[in-house]
Amino acid sequence: MFGFFREPMQNPVFPQPHPGAEVREAEAASKWKFLIFNDFLLGDAILLLIETAIFLIQKIYMDLVMWYL
């Protein structure tokens, strides 16, 4: 009757992580955050890719417009 309130069973297919896994995941996430947000070269490369994509889309669009006129 009160089975809803009992502790959940250990899932054999997806076992619970090791108790120290959260600390390791947090350290790894902070390292990646440091690498992504503090690396100016990576930021410049991403901006350059975005600007290039926008330029190419505009150029293709204008070529299509001029072709139809």
PDB file of N, CA and C in Angstrom:
ATOM      1  N   MET A   1       0.814  -1.198   0.000  1.00  0.00           N
ATOM      2  CA  MET A   1       0.000   0.000   0.000  1.00  0.00           C
ATOM      3  C   MET A   1       0.853   1.257   0.000  1.00  0.00           C
ATOM      4  N   PHE A   2       1.932   1.223   0.767  1.00  0.00           N
ATOM      5  CA  PHE A   2       2.799   2.397   0.853  1.00  0.00           C
ATOM      6  C   PHE A   2       4.076   2.200   0.030  1.00  0.00           C
ATOM      7  N   GLY A   3       3.985   1.416  -1.020  1.00  0.00           N
ATOM      8  CA  GLY A   3       5.160   1.168  -1.844  1.00  0.00           C
ATOM      9  C   GLY A   3       5.647   2.409  -2.574  1.00  0.00           C
ATOM     10  N   PHE A   4       4.779   3.396  -2.732  1.00  0.00           N
ATOM     11  CA  PHE A   4       5.169   4.618  -3.429  1.00  0.00           C
ATOM     12  C   PHE A   4       6.218   5.390  -2.654  1.00  0.00           C
ATOM     13  N   PHE A   5       6.222   5.252  -1.319  1.00  0.00           N
ATOM     14  CA  PHE A   5       7.107   6.063  -0.485  1.00  0.00           C
ATOM     15  C   PHE A   5       8.435   5.393  -0.180  1.00  0.00           C
ATOM     16  N   ARG A   6       8.631   4.162  -0.643  1.00  0.00           N
ATOM     17  CA  ARG A   6       9.884   3.487  -0.306  1.00  0.00           C
ATOM     18  C   ARG A   6      11.016   3.983  -1.208  1.00  0.00           C
ATOM     19  N   GLU A   7      12.226   3.635  -0.827  1.00  0.00           N
ATOM     20  CA  GLU A   7      13.400   4.049  -1.587  1.00  0.00           C
ATOM     21  C   GLU A   7      13.396   3.383  -2.969  1.00  0.00           C
ATOM     22  N   PRO A   8      13.820   4.069  -4.004  1.00  0.00           N
ATOM     23  CA  PRO A   8      13.879   3.435  -5.323  1.00  0.00           C
ATOM     24  C   PRO A   8      14.945   2.348  -5.363  1.00  0.00           C
ATOM     25  N   MET A   9      14.679   1.330  -6.149  1.00  0.00           N
ATOM     26  CA  MET A   9      15.619   0.207  -6.251  1.00  0.00           C
ATOM     27  C   MET A   9      16.794   0.591  -7.148  1.00  0.00           C
ATOM     28  N   GLN A  10      17.907  -0.080  -6.921  1.00  0.00           N
ATOM     29  CA  GLN A  10      19.078   0.126  -7.765  1.00  0.00           C
ATOM     30  C   GLN A  10      18.791  -0.439  -9.150  1.00  0.00           C
ATOM     31  N   ASN A  11      18.976   0.375 -10.175  1.00  0.00           N
ATOM     32  CA  ASN A  11      18.718  -0.061 -11.536  1.00  0.00           C
ATOM     33  C   ASN A  11      19.946  -0.806 -12.048  1.00  0.00           C
ATOM     34  N   PRO A  12      19.820  -2.091 -12.416  1.00  0.00           N
ATOM     35  CA  PRO A  12      21.015  -2.834 -12.873  1.00  0.00           C
ATOM     36  C   PRO A  12      21.506  -2.366 -14.244  1.00  0.00           C
ATOM     37  N   VAL A  13      20.603  -1.790 -15.052  1.00  0.00           N
ATOM     38  CA  VAL A  13      21.019  -1.357 -16.395  1.00  0.00           C
ATOM     39  C   VAL A  13      21.774  -0.036 -16.310  1.00  0.00           C
ATOM     40  N   PHE A  14      21.291   0.891 -15.499  1.00  0.00           N
ATOM     41  CA  PHE A  14      21.936   2.187 -15.328  1.00  0.00           C
ATOM     42  C   PHE A  14      22.321   2.343 -13.858  1.00  0.00           C
ATOM     43  N   PRO A  15      23.451   1.781 -13.440  1.00  0.00           N
ATOM     44  CA  PRO A  15      23.829   1.867 -12.030  1.00  0.00           C
ATOM     45  C   PRO A  15      24.142   3.298 -11.619  1.00  0.00           C
ATOM     46  N   GLN A  16      24.026   3.551 -10.333  1.00  0.00           N
ATOM     47  CA  GLN A  16      24.331   4.880  -9.814  1.00  0.00           C
ATOM     48  C   GLN A  16      25.830   5.135  -9.923  1.00  0.00           C
ATOM     49  N   PRO A  17      26.242   6.372 -10.191  1.00  0.00           N
ATOM     50  CA  PRO A  17      27.682   6.653 -10.313  1.00  0.00           C
ATOM     51  C   PRO A  17      28.381   6.566  -8.963  1.00  0.00           C
ATOM     52  N   HIS A  18      29.678   6.512  -9.034  1.00  0.00           N
ATOM     53  CA  HIS A  18      30.505   6.473  -7.827  1.00  0.00           C
ATOM     54  C   HIS A  18      30.275   7.761  -7.035  1.00  0.00           C
ATOM     55  N   PRO A  19      30.351   7.718  -5.702  1.00  0.00           N
ATOM     56  CA  PRO A  19      30.092   8.943  -4.918  1.00  0.00           C
ATOM     57  C   PRO A  19      30.998  10.117  -5.271  1.00  0.00           C
ATOM     58  N   GLY A  20      32.223   9.856  -5.713  1.00  0.00           N
ATOM     59  CA  GLY A  20      33.118  10.944  -6.075  1.00  0.00           C
ATOM     60  C   GLY A  20      32.985  11.411  -7.511  1.00  0.00           C
ATOM     61  N   ALA A  21      32.037  10.827  -8.244  1.00  0.00           N
ATOM     62  CA  ALA A  21      31.906  11.172  -9.661  1.00  0.00           C
ATOM     63  C   ALA A  21      31.441  12.607  -9.846  1.00  0.00           C
ATOM     64  N   GLU A  22      30.597  13.112  -8.940  1.00  0.00           N
ATOM     65  CA  GLU A  22      30.116  14.485  -9.088  1.00  0.00           C
ATOM     66  C   GLU A  22      31.271  15.473  -9.001  1.00  0.00           C
ATOM     67  N   VAL A  23      32.214  15.212  -8.102  1.00  0.00           N
ATOM     68  CA  VAL A  23      33.359  16.111  -7.958  1.00  0.00           C
ATOM     69  C   VAL A  23      34.203  16.087  -9.229  1.00  0.00           C
ATOM     70  N   ARG A  24      34.450  14.892  -9.762  1.00  0.00           N
ATOM     71  CA  ARG A  24      35.252  14.791 -10.985  1.00  0.00           C
ATOM     72  C   ARG A  24      34.536  15.448 -12.161  1.00  0.00           C
ATOM     73  N   GLU A  25      33.210  15.258 -12.251  1.00  0.00           N
ATOM     74  CA  GLU A  25      32.470  15.887 -13.342  1.00  0.00           C
ATOM     75  C   GLU A  25      32.512  17.404 -13.215  1.00  0.00           C
ATOM     76  N   ALA A  26      32.408  17.920 -11.998  1.00  0.00           N
ATOM     77  CA  ALA A  26      32.453  19.369 -11.802  1.00  0.00           C
ATOM     78  C   ALA A  26      33.828  19.919 -12.183  1.00  0.00           C
ATOM     79  N   GLU A  27      34.888  19.193 -11.808  1.00  0.00           N
ATOM     80  CA  GLU A  27      36.233  19.653 -12.181  1.00  0.00           C
ATOM     81  C   GLU A  27      36.404  19.639 -13.692  1.00  0.00           C
ATOM     82  N   ALA A  28      35.924  18.585 -14.349  1.00  0.00           N
ATOM     83  CA  ALA A  28      36.057  18.510 -15.801  1.00  0.00           C
ATOM     84  C   ALA A  28      35.252  19.625 -16.464  1.00  0.00           C
ATOM     85  N   ALA A  29      34.049  19.888 -15.949  1.00  0.00           N
ATOM     86  CA  ALA A  29      33.228  20.949 -16.533  1.00  0.00           C
ATOM     87  C   ALA A  29      33.888  22.313 -16.348  1.00  0.00           C
ATOM     88  N   SER A  30      34.509  22.545 -15.185  1.00  0.00           N
ATOM     89  CA  SER A  30      35.154  23.836 -14.974  1.00  0.00           C
ATOM     90  C   SER A  30      36.376  23.973 -15.886  1.00  0.00           C
ATOM     91  N   LYS A  31      37.091  22.863 -16.132  1.00  0.00           N
ATOM     92  CA  LYS A  31      38.223  22.930 -17.064  1.00  0.00           C
ATOM     93  C   LYS A  31      37.741  23.284 -18.461  1.00  0.00           C
ATOM     94  N   TRP A  32      36.671  22.609 -18.926  1.00  0.00           N
ATOM     95  CA  TRP A  32      36.170  22.904 -20.267  1.00  0.00           C
ATOM     96  C   TRP A  32      35.634  24.319 -20.349  1.00  0.00           C
ATOM     97  N   LYS A  33      34.970  24.778 -19.285  1.00  0.00           N
ATOM     98  CA  LYS A  33      34.454  26.151 -19.291  1.00  0.00           C
ATOM     99  C   LYS A  33      35.623  27.130 -19.382  1.00  0.00           C
ATOM    100  N   PHE A  34      36.712  26.848 -18.659  1.00  0.00           N
ATOM    101  CA  PHE A  34      37.894  27.707 -18.719  1.00  0.00           C
ATOM    102  C   PHE A  34      38.476  27.704 -20.130  1.00  0.00           C
ATOM    103  N   LEU A  35      38.567  26.508 -20.731  1.00  0.00           N
ATOM    104  CA  LEU A  35      39.157  26.431 -22.063  1.00  0.00           C
ATOM    105  C   LEU A  35      38.292  27.139 -23.101  1.00  0.00           C
ATOM    106  N   ILE A  36      36.970  27.001 -22.986  1.00  0.00           N
ATOM    107  CA  ILE A  36      36.101  27.557 -24.019  1.00  0.00           C
ATOM    108  C   ILE A  36      35.981  29.073 -23.866  1.00  0.00           C
ATOM    109  N   PHE A  37      35.742  29.556 -22.647  1.00  0.00           N
ATOM    110  CA  PHE A  37      35.413  30.967 -22.487  1.00  0.00           C
ATOM    111  C   PHE A  37      36.640  31.856 -22.296  1.00  0.00           C
ATOM    112  N   ASN A  38      37.777  31.288 -21.963  1.00  0.00           N
ATOM    113  CA  ASN A  38      38.947  32.122 -21.734  1.00  0.00           C
ATOM    114  C   ASN A  38      39.974  32.023 -22.849  1.00  0.00           C
ATOM    115  N   ASP A  39      39.705  31.233 -23.861  1.00  0.00           N
ATOM    116  CA  ASP A  39      40.641  31.113 -24.975  1.00  0.00           C
ATOM    117  C   ASP A  39      40.204  32.075 -26.074  1.00  0.00           C
ATOM    118  N   PHE A  40      40.914  33.183 -26.205  1.00  0.00           N
ATOM    119  CA  PHE A  40      40.500  34.214 -27.157  1.00  0.00           C
ATOM    120  C   PHE A  40      40.624  33.734 -28.597  1.00  0.00           C
ATOM    121  N   LEU A  41      41.615  32.876 -28.865  1.00  0.00           N
ATOM    122  CA  LEU A  41      41.767  32.391 -30.235  1.00  0.00           C
ATOM    123  C   LEU A  41      40.578  31.548 -30.649  1.00  0.00           C
ATOM    124  N   LEU A  42      40.076  30.710 -29.728  1.00  0.00           N
ATOM    125  CA  LEU A  42      38.910  29.889 -30.046  1.00  0.00           C
ATOM    126  C   LEU A  42      37.682  30.774 -30.261  1.00  0.00           C
ATOM    127  N   GLY A  43      37.526  31.799 -29.430  1.00  0.00           N
ATOM    128  CA  GLY A  43      36.410  32.722 -29.612  1.00  0.00           C
ATOM    129  C   GLY A  43      36.485  33.449 -30.934  1.00  0.00           C
ATOM    130  N   ASP A  44      37.695  33.904 -31.306  1.00  0.00           N
ATOM    131  CA  ASP A  44      37.850  34.574 -32.597  1.00  0.00           C
ATOM    132  C   ASP A  44      37.571  33.623 -33.747  1.00  0.00           C
ATOM    133  N   ALA A  45      37.978  32.375 -33.624  1.00  0.00           N
ATOM    134  CA  ALA A  45      37.728  31.411 -34.689  1.00  0.00           C
ATOM    135  C   ALA A  45      36.235  31.154 -34.842  1.00  0.00           C
ATOM    136  N   ILE A  46      35.511  31.047 -33.735  1.00  0.00           N
ATOM    137  CA  ILE A  46      34.062  30.832 -33.807  1.00  0.00           C
ATOM    138  C   ILE A  46      33.383  32.046 -34.438  1.00  0.00           C
ATOM    139  N   LEU A  47      33.787  33.254 -34.030  1.00  0.00           N
ATOM    140  CA  LEU A  47      33.201  34.454 -34.634  1.00  0.00           C
ATOM    141  C   LEU A  47      33.497  34.526 -36.127  1.00  0.00           C
ATOM    142  N   LEU A  48      34.709  34.165 -36.510  1.00  0.00           N
ATOM    143  CA  LEU A  48      35.061  34.186 -37.928  1.00  0.00           C
ATOM    144  C   LEU A  48      34.216  33.197 -38.718  1.00  0.00           C
ATOM    145  N   LEU A  49      33.975  32.015 -38.156  1.00  0.00           N
ATOM    146  CA  LEU A  49      33.121  31.040 -38.838  1.00  0.00           C
ATOM    147  C   LEU A  49      31.696  31.565 -38.983  1.00  0.00           C
ATOM    148  N   ILE A  50      31.177  32.198 -37.938  1.00  0.00           N
ATOM    149  CA  ILE A  50      29.818  32.739 -38.007  1.00  0.00           C
ATOM    150  C   ILE A  50      29.738  33.847 -39.052  1.00  0.00           C
ATOM    151  N   GLU A  51      30.704  34.750 -39.039  1.00  0.00           N
ATOM    152  CA  GLU A  51      30.704  35.840 -40.017  1.00  0.00           C
ATOM    153  C   GLU A  51      30.839  35.309 -41.438  1.00  0.00           C
ATOM    154  N   THR A  52      31.669  34.295 -41.634  1.00  0.00           N
ATOM    155  CA  THR A  52      31.828  33.715 -42.964  1.00  0.00           C
ATOM    156  C   THR A  52      30.536  33.071 -43.436  1.00  0.00           C
ATOM    157  N   ALA A  53      29.852  32.367 -42.527  1.00  0.00           N
ATOM    158  CA  ALA A  53      28.589  31.735 -42.901  1.00  0.00           C
ATOM    159  C   ALA A  53      27.552  32.790 -43.284  1.00  0.00           C
ATOM    160  N   ILE A  54      27.472  33.868 -42.519  1.00  0.00           N
ATOM    161  CA  ILE A  54      26.512  34.936 -42.844  1.00  0.00           C
ATOM    162  C   ILE A  54      26.853  35.558 -44.189  1.00  0.00           C
ATOM    163  N   PHE A  55      28.138  35.807 -44.433  1.00  0.00           N
ATOM    164  CA  PHE A  55      28.552  36.406 -45.704  1.00  0.00           C
ATOM    165  C   PHE A  55      28.197  35.499 -46.879  1.00  0.00           C
ATOM    166  N   LEU A  56      28.458  34.193 -46.735  1.00  0.00           N
ATOM    167  CA  LEU A  56      28.165  33.279 -47.836  1.00  0.00           C
ATOM    168  C   LEU A  56      26.663  33.171 -48.078  1.00  0.00           C
ATOM    169  N   ILE A  57      25.867  33.164 -47.009  1.00  0.00           N
ATOM    170  CA  ILE A  57      24.412  33.114 -47.180  1.00  0.00           C
ATOM    171  C   ILE A  57      23.930  34.369 -47.901  1.00  0.00           C
ATOM    172  N   GLN A  58      24.449  35.539 -47.507  1.00  0.00           N
ATOM    173  CA  GLN A  58      24.052  36.781 -48.184  1.00  0.00           C
ATOM    174  C   GLN A  58      24.470  36.770 -49.644  1.00  0.00           C
ATOM    175  N   LYS A  59      25.678  36.281 -49.925  1.00  0.00           N
ATOM    176  CA  LYS A  59      26.154  36.258 -51.303  1.00  0.00           C
ATOM    177  C   LYS A  59      25.316  35.325 -52.157  1.00  0.00           C
ATOM    178  N   ILE A  60      25.009  34.137 -51.659  1.00  0.00           N
ATOM    179  CA  ILE A  60      24.180  33.198 -52.421  1.00  0.00           C
ATOM    180  C   ILE A  60      22.790  33.785 -52.643  1.00  0.00           C
ATOM    181  N   TYR A  61      22.239  34.410 -51.615  1.00  0.00           N
ATOM    182  CA  TYR A  61      20.907  35.012 -51.751  1.00  0.00           C
ATOM    183  C   TYR A  61      20.916  36.110 -52.816  1.00  0.00           C
ATOM    184  N   MET A  62      21.938  36.972 -52.792  1.00  0.00           N
ATOM    185  CA  MET A  62      21.987  38.065 -53.779  1.00  0.00           C
ATOM    186  C   MET A  62      22.232  37.509 -55.182  1.00  0.00           C
ATOM    187  N   ASP A  63      23.027  36.456 -55.302  1.00  0.00           N
ATOM    188  CA  ASP A  63      23.216  35.838 -56.617  1.00  0.00           C
ATOM    189  C   ASP A  63      21.911  35.287 -57.155  1.00  0.00           C
ATOM    190  N   LEU A  64      21.119  34.661 -56.277  1.00  0.00           N
ATOM    191  CA  LEU A  64      19.824  34.146 -56.717  1.00  0.00           C
ATOM    192  C   LEU A  64      18.883  35.277 -57.108  1.00  0.00           C
ATOM    193  N   VAL A  65      18.888  36.364 -56.331  1.00  0.00           N
ATOM    194  CA  VAL A  65      18.028  37.502 -56.657  1.00  0.00           C
ATOM    195  C   VAL A  65      18.429  38.096 -57.996  1.00  0.00           C
ATOM    196  N   MET A  66      19.726  38.288 -58.229  1.00  0.00           N
ATOM    197  CA  MET A  66      20.173  38.868 -59.492  1.00  0.00           C
ATOM    198  C   MET A  66      19.909  37.923 -60.661  1.00  0.00           C
ATOM    199  N   TRP A  67      19.952  36.610 -60.396  1.00  0.00           N
ATOM    200  CA  TRP A  67      19.703  35.653 -61.472  1.00  0.00           C
ATOM    201  C   TRP A  67      18.239  35.698 -61.898  1.00  0.00           C
ATOM    202  N   TYR A  68      17.342  35.900 -60.917  1.00  0.00           N
ATOM    203  CA  TYR A  68      15.922  35.948 -61.240  1.00  0.00           C
ATOM    204  C   TYR A  68      15.520  37.270 -61.881  1.00  0.00           C
ATOM    205  N   LEU A  69      16.269  38.358 -61.672  1.00  0.00           N
ATOM    206  CA  LEU A  69      15.883  39.658 -62.245  1.00  0.00           C
ATOM    207  C   LEU A  69      16.215  39.740 -63.729  1.00  0.00           C
TER     208      LEU A  69
END
